[in-house]
Every structure is written in structure tokens, then in C-alpha cells.
């Protein structure tokens, strides 16, 4: 986004494809307000031109004058694509200054959804992280997340602790339950996002029953000769079924995590999980430090290879962070889910329906998006043109959440006053 855009209210920024819409441009400060003698040349550039030929020409230009100090630009927005609106201030037929704005037109299925950012794989001091669940939750809002799940190793209660920390205050971030699941004799890491009971606690409390049920599942994989692979696949199937029983999303974690002795999960095991797909979503982007980024490259390549073979796995991006003040991982990787609402069921269903992208935003690097092509294009637009406004609102809320857990009673009232700010922003930016 051009920094000059911050001087204007521009709405809507997201419109329906193949329809006419009026874009309003309101100058906010004196330095950009129209001068009395100026007229404005508006040129519309559809980025994916040519489309069907029913809309505007490549360089559709006209001259308009401000109305009550604002510009109103009516255009037909053809197809699902990004559009550039170039505004040139004309004084005595000369261009005095110019600025451009971006608008995105969407087909109805995507237009009816809003983008929500979040992280569903993080750790606190209850396992091998650094901070409390409450601190981590506030930090997530501060960097622009709309939903989170704390997933400590073998522990479910820290995610409940995060919910309880803010149960008496109005916050707009969705705080959902979770855990990282580590069943006996199975090296595959799994995340339970949103399940209403702990899977870890089942086999921790009754390992004998767990093993009997896994053995029954294993009989269905008798054609797999390797006993270890067969047992691990059965164990994963049992875990993912339990996660779904609780209404959660079962995630296959970091398939190409490289440890000293090699990949943490063998490629043969990963291929079996790909083949039978007991999981609901794949961590196509995981929380890897700079010296480990090869693992994410391999995970993306593997995912694309599976898509070429006809598999279309739902995906997430996660930080797997073990400290939000450590200077790495936290905020580097996340998921954008395109959902109708911020409820758990809607997030889970939207991910399963392939309305999510995995994001990489390693500090100091450019932002990358992975997933369905149309969603990736749209996500990159949102990162440039919408999320900067969204993140500004979230930052203030996150700071107030930190003050609240430190005991500042005034923060509670201020959070209540700000509740709904992001929804109001989206209502303005969507036609």
C-alpha cells in the first residue's frame, strides 16, 4: 500500500465482480484536500485485462470534480481481479499530483466471506514456551490476529486458561481450545484445534484401552508390511477421529521437520498419511527458524506435488512459536481463513472447504502466500491494501489486553468501547 493512501478514507475496497459500484475517496488532511480550481482525471486499469470485454477498456479515463470535497468514482468492475484507480489532479491542464488506489472484485462465494488471520499452533510456559497463555493471547491480538489456539505439548488446560483470562472482558479475538497431541509409540505430531475435550488425556488416563482401539484400526492396514508404519498410521487415524468427535480440526504438523538424524517423520510415513488422509488439514507452512527454512520449501513442494496428483488438502500456516518475545517465529507464519463469521465452527468448516491460505512473513523478507491460486492473489491484495488498517486497530486492542491482565481496570472499559472496530472497518471496506 502506498503511504499516501493513509491520508484518505477509500471505500469500498472489496466489491462484487461484474457489477457497478461507486468508490468514495475522502481526503482526511489539509495536505491532500482538493484545491478550488482543480479537476481530477480518473483512469481505471483492471489488472487482469482483458477479461470478457463487457467492462471498461484498459485505459478508461474521465474527468470528475469533487463533491463536498470528496471524489466519487463509479465503475463497472469486471471479473474477479484487482483494479487500479489512478487519480491525477489537473490544474490548468497539467498534472499537479497523483495517487493510485486499489480495489478488488470478487465472485459471490468469496465476497460473502471476510478474511480472518490467526495462529493455531503455539506454546506457553506450561510446556516449552516462555509466556503465560494470557500474555501470549494479548500479544497475538497486538500483531493483528483475529483467532488463536494455544497448543501446548500433551496439555489441553493452557488453552482453557487463555479463555478464562479474558472471560470477563469484551475482546474481539477468537480464543479457542487446543493441544499438541503426542500418543504413545507414535512420533507424528498432531494439533487438535478447537476440540471440546483433550485427546491427550484419553490415553494418559487409559493407555490400555487406547492400544486396544488402535490395534483394531491397525487390522484395516494389514497390507502395509512395515509394522512400525502400520501402527503409527493406525494411531494417527485414532487421534484424528477423536479430534473430530470433539468438533475440532485435526492438523498434520511439520511433515518435513529436519532434525539432526534426518526428517522427524519418515517420507514413507508422510506418504501413507497423504494416501489415507486421516487428518483434516496440513501444516504446509510450519514454524521454522531461518536456518530451517528448507523444511518449509519441501513442505510446499510436497503439497504442490500432491495437488498435481489430484489431492487437494486443506492447509494452514502456523508459527509453532515457543515465545512471543524471542525475536523469531512469532508472527512469521499464520493462516488467513475466509469465513462468514469468526465462530469456531465457521473457521473449521471454511478450512475444510479449502477457504484458507498459509502465510509466510519472515521478518525482513517479503510476504508469501500459499494455497489456491485465486485465494493467494486475493490474500496478497489484502496484505497490501486492507490489513494495515486492520492491524492498527488490533495493535491498540492487544496493548489494552496486556494492561488488563496486569490489573488495569480502566483497560476493561476501553476494550468494551473498542469492541467491534474491526467489524465496522470491514463493513465500510466491503461494498
Protein backbone atom coordinates (compact mmCIF):
# COMPACT_ATOMS: atom_id res chain seq x y z
CA UNK A 1 0.00 0.00 0.00
CA UNK A 2 1.28 3.46 -0.85
CA UNK A 3 1.89 5.52 2.28
CA UNK A 4 -0.18 8.29 0.68
CA UNK A 5 -3.25 6.05 0.99
CA UNK A 6 -3.18 6.70 4.75
CA UNK A 7 -4.29 10.26 4.05
CA UNK A 8 -7.66 9.12 2.67
CA UNK A 9 -10.72 7.10 3.51
CA UNK A 10 -11.35 4.92 0.48
CA UNK A 11 -14.44 2.74 0.48
CA UNK A 12 -15.45 0.23 -0.54
CA UNK A 13 -12.21 -1.59 -1.35
CA UNK A 14 -13.81 -5.01 -1.97
CA UNK A 15 -16.73 -5.19 -4.41
CA UNK A 16 -18.80 -7.79 -6.25
CA UNK A 17 -17.48 -8.93 -9.60
CA UNK A 18 -19.35 -7.93 -12.74
CA UNK A 19 -21.24 -5.08 -11.15
CA UNK A 20 -21.19 -1.31 -10.95
CA UNK A 21 -20.01 0.29 -7.74
CA UNK A 22 -19.21 3.81 -6.57
CA UNK A 23 -15.84 4.21 -4.87
CA UNK A 24 -15.66 7.08 -2.40
CA UNK A 25 -12.39 8.86 -1.74
CA UNK A 26 -12.44 11.20 1.25
CA UNK A 27 -9.35 13.31 2.00
CA UNK A 28 -8.61 13.29 5.73
CA UNK A 29 -5.99 16.05 6.00
CA UNK A 30 -5.47 19.51 4.58
CA UNK A 31 -2.37 18.48 2.61
CA UNK A 32 -4.49 16.29 0.31
CA UNK A 33 -7.76 18.20 0.16
CA UNK A 34 -8.81 19.35 -3.32
CA UNK A 35 -7.81 22.83 -4.39
CA UNK A 36 -10.56 25.09 -5.67
CA UNK A 37 -9.51 25.15 -9.32
CA UNK A 38 -8.52 21.51 -9.69
CA UNK A 39 -10.24 18.79 -11.66
CA UNK A 40 -9.37 15.12 -11.46
CA UNK A 41 -8.60 12.65 -14.19
CA UNK A 42 -9.54 9.10 -13.21
CA UNK A 43 -8.04 6.16 -15.10
CA UNK A 44 -9.18 2.61 -14.41
CA UNK A 45 -6.76 -0.28 -15.02
CA UNK A 46 -8.18 -3.78 -14.49
CA UNK A 47 -5.09 -5.82 -13.59
CA UNK A 48 -6.28 -8.96 -15.38
CA UNK A 49 -7.31 -7.13 -18.55
CA UNK A 50 -8.51 -8.28 -20.99
CA UNK A 51 -11.39 -10.22 -19.47
CA UNK A 52 -14.71 -10.76 -21.24
CA UNK A 53 -14.81 -7.41 -23.00
CA UNK A 54 -18.05 -6.36 -21.28
CA UNK A 55 -16.45 -3.96 -18.86
CA UNK A 56 -14.28 -0.88 -19.11
CA UNK A 57 -11.46 -0.51 -21.58
CA UNK A 58 -7.85 -0.92 -20.47
CA UNK A 59 -7.42 2.81 -20.03
CA UNK A 60 -10.90 4.04 -19.25
CA UNK A 61 -10.40 7.69 -18.29
CA UNK A 62 -12.65 10.58 -17.48
CA UNK A 63 -12.57 13.91 -15.68
CA UNK A 64 -14.53 14.42 -12.46
CA UNK A 65 -14.92 17.23 -9.95
CA UNK A 66 -15.08 16.89 -6.15
CA UNK A 67 -18.46 16.81 -4.42
CA UNK A 68 -18.28 18.39 -0.96
CA UNK A 69 -14.52 17.87 -1.04
CA UNK A 70 -14.75 14.16 -1.93
CA UNK A 71 -14.35 12.16 -5.11
CA UNK A 72 -16.96 9.62 -6.20
CA UNK A 73 -15.89 7.21 -8.89
CA UNK A 74 -18.46 4.91 -10.49
CA UNK A 75 -17.06 1.96 -12.39
CA UNK A 76 -18.04 -1.46 -13.69
CA UNK A 77 -15.73 -3.98 -12.04
CA UNK A 78 -15.38 -6.89 -14.36
CA UNK A 79 -14.41 -10.38 -13.25
CA UNK A 80 -12.55 -11.48 -10.15
CA UNK A 81 -9.43 -9.37 -10.09
CA UNK A 82 -7.60 -6.36 -8.72
CA UNK A 83 -8.26 -2.90 -10.14
CA UNK A 84 -6.06 0.20 -10.13
CA UNK A 85 -7.67 3.62 -9.94
CA UNK A 86 -5.14 6.29 -10.91
CA UNK A 87 -6.20 9.77 -9.76
CA UNK A 88 -4.42 12.75 -11.31
CA UNK A 89 -5.05 16.26 -10.04
CA UNK A 90 -5.21 18.56 -13.06
CA UNK A 91 -4.50 22.28 -12.71
CA UNK A 92 -4.50 24.28 -15.96
CA UNK A 93 -4.33 21.00 -17.92
CA UNK A 94 -1.16 20.00 -16.11
CA UNK A 95 -0.78 17.12 -13.64
CA UNK A 96 -0.12 18.70 -10.26
CA UNK A 97 -0.02 15.45 -8.26
CA UNK A 98 -1.27 11.89 -8.48
CA UNK A 99 -2.13 8.92 -6.32
CA UNK A 100 -3.46 5.46 -7.05
CA UNK A 101 -5.87 3.25 -5.13
CA UNK A 102 -6.58 -0.47 -5.40
CA UNK A 103 -9.95 -2.23 -5.39
CA UNK A 104 -10.67 -5.97 -5.61
CA UNK A 105 -13.75 -7.51 -7.24
CA UNK A 106 -14.84 -10.96 -6.08
CA UNK A 107 -17.23 -13.68 -7.11
CA UNK A 108 -20.10 -14.08 -4.65
CA UNK A 109 -18.76 -17.14 -2.79
CA UNK A 110 -15.66 -15.24 -1.72
CA UNK A 111 -17.26 -11.82 -1.44
CA UNK A 112 -19.65 -13.17 1.21
CA UNK A 113 -16.69 -14.14 3.41
CA UNK A 114 -14.35 -11.99 5.47
CA UNK A 115 -10.61 -12.61 5.97
CA UNK A 116 -9.52 -13.63 9.48
CA UNK A 117 -5.87 -14.05 10.47
CA UNK A 118 -4.74 -16.46 13.13
CA UNK A 119 -2.27 -18.98 14.51
CA UNK A 120 -3.33 -22.43 15.75
CA UNK A 121 -0.01 -23.90 16.89
CA UNK A 122 1.78 -22.09 19.74
CA UNK A 123 3.28 -22.93 23.13
CA UNK A 124 3.38 -21.31 26.57
CA UNK A 125 5.40 -21.80 29.73
CA UNK A 126 3.12 -24.72 30.59
CA UNK A 127 5.20 -26.80 28.16
CA UNK A 128 8.33 -25.49 26.43
CA UNK A 129 7.28 -21.90 25.71
CA UNK A 130 8.07 -18.72 27.65
CA UNK A 131 4.95 -16.75 28.48
CA UNK A 132 1.59 -17.29 30.13
CA UNK A 133 -1.46 -18.13 27.97
CA UNK A 134 -2.96 -14.71 28.74
CA UNK A 135 0.21 -12.84 27.74
CA UNK A 136 0.52 -14.82 24.51
CA UNK A 137 -3.14 -14.22 23.64
CA UNK A 138 -2.79 -10.45 24.07
CA UNK A 139 0.43 -10.48 22.04
CA UNK A 140 -1.42 -12.25 19.22
CA UNK A 141 -4.05 -9.53 19.08
CA UNK A 142 -1.33 -6.91 19.15
CA UNK A 143 0.16 -8.23 15.89
CA UNK A 144 -3.19 -8.44 14.12
CA UNK A 145 -4.57 -11.92 14.77
CA UNK A 146 -8.33 -12.48 14.86
CA UNK A 147 -8.23 -16.01 16.28
CA UNK A 148 -5.74 -18.21 18.12
CA UNK A 149 -5.36 -21.58 19.76
CA UNK A 150 -2.72 -22.41 22.34
CA UNK A 151 -1.48 -25.95 21.74
CA UNK A 152 0.96 -26.92 24.45
CA UNK A 153 2.60 -30.33 24.25
CA UNK A 154 0.33 -33.00 25.77
CA UNK A 155 -1.63 -30.31 27.65
CA UNK A 156 -5.12 -29.00 26.98
CA UNK A 157 -5.71 -26.83 30.06
CA UNK A 158 -3.45 -23.92 28.99
CA UNK A 159 -5.90 -23.16 26.16
CA UNK A 160 -8.72 -23.07 28.71
CA UNK A 161 -6.60 -20.77 30.87
CA UNK A 162 -6.32 -18.37 27.92
CA UNK A 163 -10.10 -18.29 27.56
CA UNK A 164 -10.66 -17.78 31.28
CA UNK A 165 -8.17 -14.91 31.41
CA UNK A 166 -10.48 -12.79 29.24
CA UNK A 167 -13.91 -14.21 30.05
CA UNK A 168 -14.92 -11.06 31.96
CA UNK A 169 -13.88 -8.56 29.30
CA UNK A 170 -15.09 -7.81 25.76
CA UNK A 171 -12.40 -8.81 23.28
CA UNK A 172 -12.76 -9.36 19.56
CA UNK A 173 -10.13 -12.07 19.19
CA UNK A 174 -11.46 -15.62 18.99
CA UNK A 175 -9.71 -17.69 21.70
CA UNK A 176 -10.17 -21.40 21.04
CA UNK A 177 -9.09 -24.56 22.80
CA UNK A 178 -6.32 -26.79 21.58
CA UNK A 179 -3.37 -29.04 22.29
CA UNK A 180 -0.48 -30.75 20.54
CA UNK A 181 -1.21 -34.46 20.60
CA UNK A 182 1.57 -36.96 21.32
CA UNK A 183 0.22 -40.53 21.52
CA UNK A 184 2.35 -43.41 22.89
CA UNK A 185 4.80 -45.02 20.44
CA UNK A 186 3.99 -42.53 17.69
CA UNK A 187 6.42 -39.82 16.61
CA UNK A 188 3.90 -37.97 14.41
CA UNK A 189 2.91 -34.62 15.91
CA UNK A 190 -0.75 -33.60 15.59
CA UNK A 191 -2.67 -30.49 16.59
CA UNK A 192 -6.18 -30.54 17.97
CA UNK A 193 -7.59 -27.13 17.07
CA UNK A 194 -10.87 -26.35 18.76
CA UNK A 195 -11.86 -29.78 20.07
CA UNK A 196 -14.06 -29.61 23.16
CA UNK A 197 -12.11 -32.29 25.03
CA UNK A 198 -8.48 -33.34 25.38
CA UNK A 199 -7.27 -36.24 23.24
CA UNK A 200 -4.04 -36.48 25.22
CA UNK A 201 -5.97 -37.08 28.43
CA UNK A 202 -7.74 -40.11 26.96
CA UNK A 203 -4.61 -42.21 26.51
CA UNK A 204 -2.89 -40.64 29.52
CA UNK A 205 -5.72 -41.91 31.72
CA UNK A 206 -6.37 -45.23 29.98
CA UNK A 207 -3.50 -46.28 27.74
CA UNK A 208 -4.66 -49.91 27.63
CA UNK A 209 -7.99 -49.05 26.00
CA UNK A 210 -6.21 -46.70 23.58
CA UNK A 211 -3.88 -49.52 22.47
CA UNK A 212 -6.76 -51.95 22.01
CA UNK A 213 -8.65 -49.49 19.83
CA UNK A 214 -5.54 -48.70 17.79
CA UNK A 215 -4.92 -52.43 17.29
CA UNK A 216 -8.44 -52.78 15.89
CA UNK A 217 -7.81 -49.94 13.43
CA UNK A 218 -4.44 -51.46 12.52
CA UNK A 219 -6.13 -54.58 11.14
CA UNK A 220 -7.53 -52.44 8.34
CA UNK A 221 -3.95 -51.64 7.27
CA UNK A 222 -2.72 -55.26 7.25
CA UNK A 223 -1.42 -54.85 3.68
CA UNK A 224 1.26 -52.44 4.99
CA UNK A 225 4.25 -54.69 5.68
CA UNK A 226 6.22 -52.38 7.96
CA UNK A 227 4.80 -52.93 11.46
CA UNK A 228 6.00 -49.56 12.80
CA UNK A 229 4.44 -47.61 9.93
CA UNK A 230 1.25 -49.62 10.21
CA UNK A 231 0.93 -48.96 13.94
CA UNK A 232 1.73 -45.23 13.58
CA UNK A 233 -0.86 -44.82 10.81
CA UNK A 234 -3.48 -46.55 12.97
CA UNK A 235 -2.55 -44.35 15.94
CA UNK A 236 -2.84 -41.18 13.82
CA UNK A 237 -6.21 -42.33 12.49
CA UNK A 238 -7.45 -42.89 16.07
CA UNK A 239 -6.25 -39.42 17.15
CA UNK A 240 -7.78 -37.57 14.24
CA UNK A 241 -11.09 -39.37 14.73
CA UNK A 242 -11.11 -38.31 18.39
CA UNK A 243 -10.33 -34.70 17.44
CA UNK A 244 -13.29 -34.69 15.04
CA UNK A 245 -15.53 -36.23 17.71
CA UNK A 246 -14.84 -33.12 19.79
CA UNK A 247 -15.67 -30.80 16.91
CA UNK A 248 -12.02 -29.92 16.34
CA UNK A 249 -9.75 -29.70 13.30
CA UNK A 250 -7.02 -32.33 13.18
CA UNK A 251 -3.77 -30.97 11.75
CA UNK A 252 -0.77 -32.95 10.48
CA UNK A 253 2.23 -31.00 11.78
CA UNK A 254 5.56 -30.15 10.11
CA UNK A 255 5.93 -33.23 7.84
CA UNK A 256 9.45 -32.27 6.71
CA UNK A 257 10.86 -31.04 10.01
CA UNK A 258 14.58 -31.74 9.80
CA UNK A 259 16.31 -32.90 12.97
CA UNK A 260 19.95 -33.91 13.33
CA UNK A 261 19.38 -37.52 12.28
CA UNK A 262 17.05 -36.70 9.37
CA UNK A 263 13.36 -35.96 8.92
CA UNK A 264 11.42 -36.28 12.15
CA UNK A 265 8.71 -38.22 10.29
CA UNK A 266 9.95 -40.51 7.53
CA UNK A 267 8.89 -39.76 3.98
CA UNK A 268 7.25 -43.20 3.85
CA UNK A 269 5.09 -42.30 6.84
CA UNK A 270 4.23 -38.92 5.32
CA UNK A 271 3.25 -40.60 2.07
CA UNK A 272 0.96 -43.01 3.92
CA UNK A 273 -0.71 -40.09 5.69
CA UNK A 274 -1.11 -38.36 2.33
CA UNK A 275 -2.58 -41.53 0.83
CA UNK A 276 -5.16 -42.23 3.54
CA UNK A 277 -5.59 -38.62 4.68
CA UNK A 278 -6.87 -39.21 8.21
CA UNK A 279 -6.06 -35.56 9.02
CA UNK A 280 -8.28 -32.56 8.28
CA UNK A 281 -5.58 -30.04 7.37
CA UNK A 282 -1.90 -29.96 6.53
CA UNK A 283 0.67 -27.63 8.07
CA UNK A 284 2.05 -26.60 4.71
CA UNK A 285 3.91 -23.76 6.43
CA UNK A 286 5.39 -24.53 9.84
CA UNK A 287 7.36 -22.62 12.42
CA UNK A 288 10.92 -22.91 11.19
CA UNK A 289 13.84 -20.64 12.02
CA UNK A 290 15.91 -19.08 9.25
CA UNK A 291 18.42 -21.96 9.21
CA UNK A 292 15.49 -24.42 8.87
CA UNK A 293 13.60 -22.74 6.03
CA UNK A 294 14.41 -25.64 3.71
CA UNK A 295 11.72 -27.59 5.57
CA UNK A 296 9.02 -25.15 4.51
CA UNK A 297 10.29 -25.25 0.94
CA UNK A 298 9.95 -29.03 0.97
CA UNK A 299 6.52 -28.93 2.56
CA UNK A 300 5.24 -26.53 -0.10
CA UNK A 301 6.81 -28.61 -2.89
CA UNK A 302 5.31 -31.79 -1.42
CA UNK A 303 1.88 -30.14 -1.13
CA UNK A 304 2.03 -28.95 -4.75
CA UNK A 305 3.12 -32.41 -5.86
CA UNK A 306 0.10 -33.91 -4.14
CA UNK A 307 -2.19 -31.36 -5.77
CA UNK A 308 -0.80 -32.35 -9.15
CA UNK A 309 -1.79 -35.94 -8.28
CA UNK A 310 -5.37 -34.89 -7.51
CA UNK A 311 -5.12 -34.41 -3.73
CA UNK A 312 -6.38 -31.07 -2.50
CA UNK A 313 -5.51 -30.91 1.18
CA UNK A 314 -6.92 -28.10 3.32
CA UNK A 315 -3.96 -26.12 4.64
CA UNK A 316 -2.82 -23.89 7.48
CA UNK A 317 0.27 -21.87 8.28
CA UNK A 318 1.49 -21.80 11.88
CA UNK A 319 4.34 -20.28 13.85
CA UNK A 320 4.80 -23.15 16.35
CA UNK A 321 6.27 -20.36 18.45
CA UNK A 322 7.76 -21.03 21.87
CA UNK A 323 7.94 -17.40 22.92
CA UNK A 324 6.35 -14.25 21.54
CA UNK A 325 9.19 -12.01 22.73
CA UNK A 326 12.00 -14.24 21.46
CA UNK A 327 12.54 -12.28 18.25
CA UNK A 328 11.79 -15.14 15.87
CA UNK A 329 8.91 -17.33 14.67
CA UNK A 330 6.10 -15.45 16.42
CA UNK A 331 4.10 -13.64 13.73
CA UNK A 332 6.27 -15.02 10.94
CA UNK A 333 3.77 -17.67 9.86
CA UNK A 334 -0.02 -17.71 10.11
CA UNK A 335 -3.27 -18.64 8.39
CA UNK A 336 -5.82 -16.46 6.65
CA UNK A 337 -9.25 -18.08 6.74
CA UNK A 338 -12.03 -16.74 4.54
CA UNK A 339 -15.15 -17.35 6.61
CA UNK A 340 -18.61 -15.90 7.06
CA UNK A 341 -18.07 -15.46 10.80
CA UNK A 342 -15.37 -15.77 13.43
CA UNK A 343 -17.03 -18.71 15.18
CA UNK A 344 -15.06 -21.91 15.69
CA UNK A 345 -17.43 -23.96 13.55
CA UNK A 346 -17.22 -21.50 10.69
CA UNK A 347 -13.42 -21.35 10.84
CA UNK A 348 -13.12 -25.14 10.92
CA UNK A 349 -15.64 -25.64 8.12
CA UNK A 350 -14.02 -22.95 5.98
CA UNK A 351 -10.58 -24.52 6.32
CA UNK A 352 -12.02 -27.93 5.43
CA UNK A 353 -13.70 -26.35 2.40
CA UNK A 354 -10.32 -25.01 1.24
CA UNK A 355 -11.01 -21.35 2.03
CA UNK A 356 -7.65 -20.78 3.69
CA UNK A 357 -4.12 -19.78 2.74
CA UNK A 358 -0.83 -20.28 4.59
CA UNK A 359 1.22 -17.14 5.00
CA UNK A 360 4.97 -16.53 5.36
CA UNK A 361 6.04 -13.14 6.66
CA UNK A 362 9.57 -13.78 7.94
CA UNK A 363 10.92 -10.59 9.45
CA UNK A 364 12.92 -8.62 6.89
CA UNK A 365 11.60 -10.73 3.99
CA UNK A 366 8.74 -10.22 1.57
CA UNK A 367 5.38 -11.83 2.36
CA UNK A 368 4.45 -15.06 0.61
CA UNK A 369 1.09 -16.82 0.38
CA UNK A 370 0.45 -20.49 -0.38
CA UNK A 371 -2.71 -22.29 -1.44
CA UNK A 372 -5.35 -21.98 -4.10
CA UNK A 373 -4.28 -19.50 -6.80
CA UNK A 374 -7.36 -17.25 -6.58
CA UNK A 375 -7.04 -17.08 -2.79
CA UNK A 376 -3.32 -16.31 -2.99
CA UNK A 377 -3.93 -13.36 -5.33
CA UNK A 378 -6.62 -12.02 -3.06
CA UNK A 379 -4.56 -12.56 0.10
CA UNK A 380 -1.65 -10.57 -1.30
CA UNK A 381 -4.03 -7.70 -2.09
CA UNK A 382 -5.38 -7.81 1.46
CA UNK A 383 -1.86 -7.76 2.90
CA UNK A 384 -1.13 -4.57 0.97
CA UNK A 385 -4.41 -2.72 0.99
CA UNK A 386 -6.60 -3.85 3.90
CA UNK A 387 -4.64 -5.47 6.71
CA UNK A 388 -2.54 -2.37 7.51
CA UNK A 389 -5.76 -0.67 8.69
CA UNK A 390 -6.95 -3.86 10.41
CA UNK A 391 -3.63 -4.33 12.19
CA UNK A 392 -3.59 -0.75 13.51
CA UNK A 393 -6.88 -1.43 15.30
CA UNK A 394 -5.70 -4.79 16.62
CA UNK A 395 -2.47 -3.33 17.97
CA UNK A 396 -4.30 -0.97 20.30
CA UNK A 397 -6.61 -3.75 21.47
CA UNK A 398 -3.66 -6.05 22.16
CA UNK A 399 -1.92 -3.38 24.21
CA UNK A 400 -5.09 -2.89 26.25
CA UNK A 401 -5.37 -6.64 26.79
CA UNK A 402 -1.84 -6.63 28.20
CA UNK A 403 -2.79 -3.78 30.52
CA UNK A 404 -5.90 -5.65 31.61
CA UNK A 405 -4.02 -8.79 32.68
CA UNK A 406 -1.62 -6.57 34.63
CA UNK A 407 -4.61 -5.34 36.66
CA UNK A 408 -5.53 -2.08 34.94
CA UNK A 409 -9.30 -1.86 35.47
CA UNK A 410 -9.56 1.06 33.07
CA UNK A 411 -8.44 -1.19 30.21
CA UNK A 412 -11.62 -3.25 30.55
CA UNK A 413 -13.84 -0.28 29.78
CA UNK A 414 -11.64 0.86 26.92
CA UNK A 415 -11.73 -2.63 25.36
CA UNK A 416 -15.52 -2.63 25.61
CA UNK A 417 -15.61 0.77 23.90
CA UNK A 418 -13.46 -0.51 21.05
CA UNK A 419 -15.33 -3.77 20.60
CA UNK A 420 -16.47 -4.20 17.02
CA UNK A 421 -13.90 -1.82 15.50
CA UNK A 422 -12.64 -4.41 13.02
CA UNK A 423 -16.19 -5.40 12.06
CA UNK A 424 -17.01 -1.74 11.44
CA UNK A 425 -13.89 -1.37 9.31
CA UNK A 426 -14.85 -4.39 7.24
CA UNK A 427 -18.41 -3.15 6.85
CA UNK A 428 -17.01 0.06 5.39
CA UNK A 429 -14.45 -1.60 3.12
CA UNK A 430 -16.79 -4.24 1.70
CA UNK A 431 -19.44 -2.93 -0.71
